[in-house]
Amino acid sequence: MIIDHPLLGPRDASEFIYLGDASLLKRPKWDEEKSEDNFYKYLYLRENVAGMHKELWFHQQGDRSWLVISRNTVTHEIFKVELATEFKKNMGKSND
């Protein structure tokens, strides 16, 4: 699989480490009554998506950047690659 890094261009997936669902960037806020349950869900409960999914990847053997990759988990087709910092800035602004 080739990942088109936004800064470095096309790179082989072997340079990267998959680190999970990109929703990990949406850390829950502390709430005295619900925090324990919210953090349990945040840390341990994930959907096993078959189809379009936003994933967090780390460029370990390169510039050590964090990326959010939108890809189809069934076909492995990549639709979008963006820096995690940019993704986090744009969270809540759009529905893509």
C-alpha atoms as a PDB file:
ATOM      1  CA  MET A   1       0.000   0.000   0.000  1.00  0.00           C
ATOM      2  CA  ILE A   2       1.330   3.445  -0.932  1.00  0.00           C
ATOM      3  CA  ILE A   3       0.536   6.410   1.321  1.00  0.00           C
ATOM      4  CA  ASP A   4       0.750   9.827  -0.339  1.00  0.00           C
ATOM      5  CA  HIS A   5       2.296  11.837   2.502  1.00  0.00           C
ATOM      6  CA  PRO A   6       1.152  15.498   2.323  1.00  0.00           C
ATOM      7  CA  LEU A   7       4.725  16.792   2.815  1.00  0.00           C
ATOM      8  CA  LEU A   8       6.968  14.033   1.440  1.00  0.00           C
ATOM      9  CA  GLY A   9       4.944  12.493  -1.379  1.00  0.00           C
ATOM     10  CA  PRO A  10       4.279   8.783  -1.989  1.00  0.00           C
ATOM     11  CA  ARG A  11       5.710   6.433   0.646  1.00  0.00           C
ATOM     12  CA  ASP A  12       5.424   2.700   1.224  1.00  0.00           C
ATOM     13  CA  ALA A  13       3.121   1.740   4.112  1.00  0.00           C
ATOM     14  CA  SER A  14       6.009  -0.160   5.743  1.00  0.00           C
ATOM     15  CA  GLU A  15       7.424   3.235   6.843  1.00  0.00           C
ATOM     16  CA  PHE A  16       4.307   3.834   8.967  1.00  0.00           C
ATOM     17  CA  ILE A  17       2.668   2.393  12.061  1.00  0.00           C
ATOM     18  CA  TYR A  18      -1.109   2.139  12.323  1.00  0.00           C
ATOM     19  CA  LEU A  19      -2.218   3.537  15.674  1.00  0.00           C
ATOM     20  CA  GLY A  20      -5.978   3.201  15.612  1.00  0.00           C
ATOM     21  CA  ASP A  21      -9.146   5.119  15.059  1.00  0.00           C
ATOM     22  CA  ALA A  22      -8.726   8.857  14.409  1.00  0.00           C
ATOM     23  CA  SER A  23     -11.522   9.497  16.904  1.00  0.00           C
ATOM     24  CA  LEU A  24      -8.766   9.168  19.541  1.00  0.00           C
ATOM     25  CA  LEU A  25      -8.036  12.824  18.737  1.00  0.00           C
ATOM     26  CA  LYS A  26     -11.426  13.686  20.295  1.00  0.00           C
ATOM     27  CA  ARG A  27     -10.503  13.141  23.926  1.00  0.00           C
ATOM     28  CA  PRO A  28     -13.502  13.513  26.262  1.00  0.00           C
ATOM     29  CA  LYS A  29     -13.647  16.453  28.655  1.00  0.00           C
ATOM     30  CA  TRP A  30     -13.581  15.864  32.388  1.00  0.00           C
ATOM     31  CA  ASP A  31     -17.004  15.638  34.027  1.00  0.00           C
ATOM     32  CA  GLU A  32     -17.229  14.661  37.693  1.00  0.00           C
ATOM     33  CA  GLU A  33     -20.247  12.400  37.180  1.00  0.00           C
ATOM     34  CA  LYS A  34     -19.493  10.796  33.812  1.00  0.00           C
ATOM     35  CA  SER A  35     -15.726  10.921  33.389  1.00  0.00           C
ATOM     36  CA  GLU A  36     -14.905   7.377  34.417  1.00  0.00           C
ATOM     37  CA  ASP A  37     -17.468   5.952  31.991  1.00  0.00           C
ATOM     38  CA  ASN A  38     -16.463   8.400  29.221  1.00  0.00           C
ATOM     39  CA  PHE A  39     -12.766   7.526  29.514  1.00  0.00           C
ATOM     40  CA  TYR A  40     -13.529   3.799  29.589  1.00  0.00           C
ATOM     41  CA  LYS A  41     -15.464   4.179  26.315  1.00  0.00           C
ATOM     42  CA  TYR A  42     -12.725   6.410  24.862  1.00  0.00           C
ATOM     43  CA  LEU A  43      -9.923   3.949  25.697  1.00  0.00           C
ATOM     44  CA  TYR A  44     -11.504   0.548  25.132  1.00  0.00           C
ATOM     45  CA  LEU A  45     -14.689   0.598  23.065  1.00  0.00           C
ATOM     46  CA  ARG A  46     -14.169   0.846  19.310  1.00  0.00           C
ATOM     47  CA  GLU A  47     -16.185  -0.066  16.272  1.00  0.00           C
ATOM     48  CA  ASN A  48     -14.629  -2.527  13.847  1.00  0.00           C
ATOM     49  CA  VAL A  49     -15.558  -0.651  10.695  1.00  0.00           C
ATOM     50  CA  ALA A  50     -15.836  -2.434   7.354  1.00  0.00           C
ATOM     51  CA  GLY A  51     -15.729   0.368   4.796  1.00  0.00           C
ATOM     52  CA  MET A  52     -14.808   4.044   5.022  1.00  0.00           C
ATOM     53  CA  HIS A  53     -12.800   4.860   8.126  1.00  0.00           C
ATOM     54  CA  LYS A  54     -10.482   7.610   9.401  1.00  0.00           C
ATOM     55  CA  GLU A  55      -7.311   6.164  10.910  1.00  0.00           C
ATOM     56  CA  LEU A  56      -4.343   7.522  12.810  1.00  0.00           C
ATOM     57  CA  TRP A  57      -0.916   6.602  11.365  1.00  0.00           C
ATOM     58  CA  PHE A  58       2.604   7.537  12.526  1.00  0.00           C
ATOM     59  CA  HIS A  59       5.479   7.990  10.053  1.00  0.00           C
ATOM     60  CA  GLN A  60       8.063   6.158  12.161  1.00  0.00           C
ATOM     61  CA  GLN A  61      10.725   5.650   9.481  1.00  0.00           C
ATOM     62  CA  GLY A  62      10.469   9.158   8.089  1.00  0.00           C
ATOM     63  CA  ASP A  63       9.683  12.603   9.435  1.00  0.00           C
ATOM     64  CA  ARG A  64       7.853  11.174  12.492  1.00  0.00           C
ATOM     65  CA  SER A  65       4.641  12.981  11.610  1.00  0.00           C
ATOM     66  CA  TRP A  66       1.133  11.911  12.583  1.00  0.00           C
ATOM     67  CA  LEU A  67      -1.358  11.461   9.751  1.00  0.00           C
ATOM     68  CA  VAL A  68      -5.094  10.910   9.489  1.00  0.00           C
ATOM     69  CA  ILE A  69      -5.815   8.588   6.578  1.00  0.00           C
ATOM     70  CA  SER A  70      -9.325   8.135   5.224  1.00  0.00           C
ATOM     71  CA  ARG A  71      -9.490   4.721   3.606  1.00  0.00           C
ATOM     72  CA  ASN A  72     -11.768   1.837   2.825  1.00  0.00           C
ATOM     73  CA  THR A  73     -10.829  -0.961   5.227  1.00  0.00           C
ATOM     74  CA  VAL A  74     -12.223  -3.595   2.851  1.00  0.00           C
ATOM     75  CA  THR A  75     -10.400  -2.573  -0.348  1.00  0.00           C
ATOM     76  CA  HIS A  76      -7.524  -0.621   1.291  1.00  0.00           C
ATOM     77  CA  GLU A  77      -8.177   2.238  -1.138  1.00  0.00           C
ATOM     78  CA  ILE A  78      -6.947   5.539   0.321  1.00  0.00           C
ATOM     79  CA  PHE A  79      -9.162   8.562  -0.307  1.00  0.00           C
ATOM     80  CA  LYS A  80      -7.471  11.284   1.745  1.00  0.00           C
ATOM     81  CA  VAL A  81      -4.256  11.787   3.705  1.00  0.00           C
ATOM     82  CA  GLU A  82      -3.777  14.789   5.960  1.00  0.00           C
ATOM     83  CA  LEU A  83      -1.551  15.851   8.814  1.00  0.00           C
ATOM     84  CA  ALA A  84      -3.195  15.110  12.158  1.00  0.00           C
ATOM     85  CA  THR A  85      -2.589  18.706  13.264  1.00  0.00           C
ATOM     86  CA  GLU A  86      -4.622  19.981  10.301  1.00  0.00           C
ATOM     87  CA  PHE A  87      -7.331  17.371  10.881  1.00  0.00           C
ATOM     88  CA  LYS A  88      -7.619  18.407  14.538  1.00  0.00           C
ATOM     89  CA  LYS A  89      -7.876  22.104  13.576  1.00  0.00           C
ATOM     90  CA  ASN A  90     -10.711  21.277  11.162  1.00  0.00           C
ATOM     91  CA  MET A  91     -12.617  18.883  13.460  1.00  0.00           C
ATOM     92  CA  GLY A  92     -16.187  20.024  13.723  1.00  0.00           C
ATOM     93  CA  LYS A  93     -15.925  22.383  10.725  1.00  0.00           C
ATOM     94  CA  SER A  94     -16.929  19.780   8.118  1.00  0.00           C
ATOM     95  CA  ASN A  95     -18.505  16.350   7.864  1.00  0.00           C
ATOM     96  CA  ASP A  96     -15.929  14.570   5.679  1.00  0.00           C
END
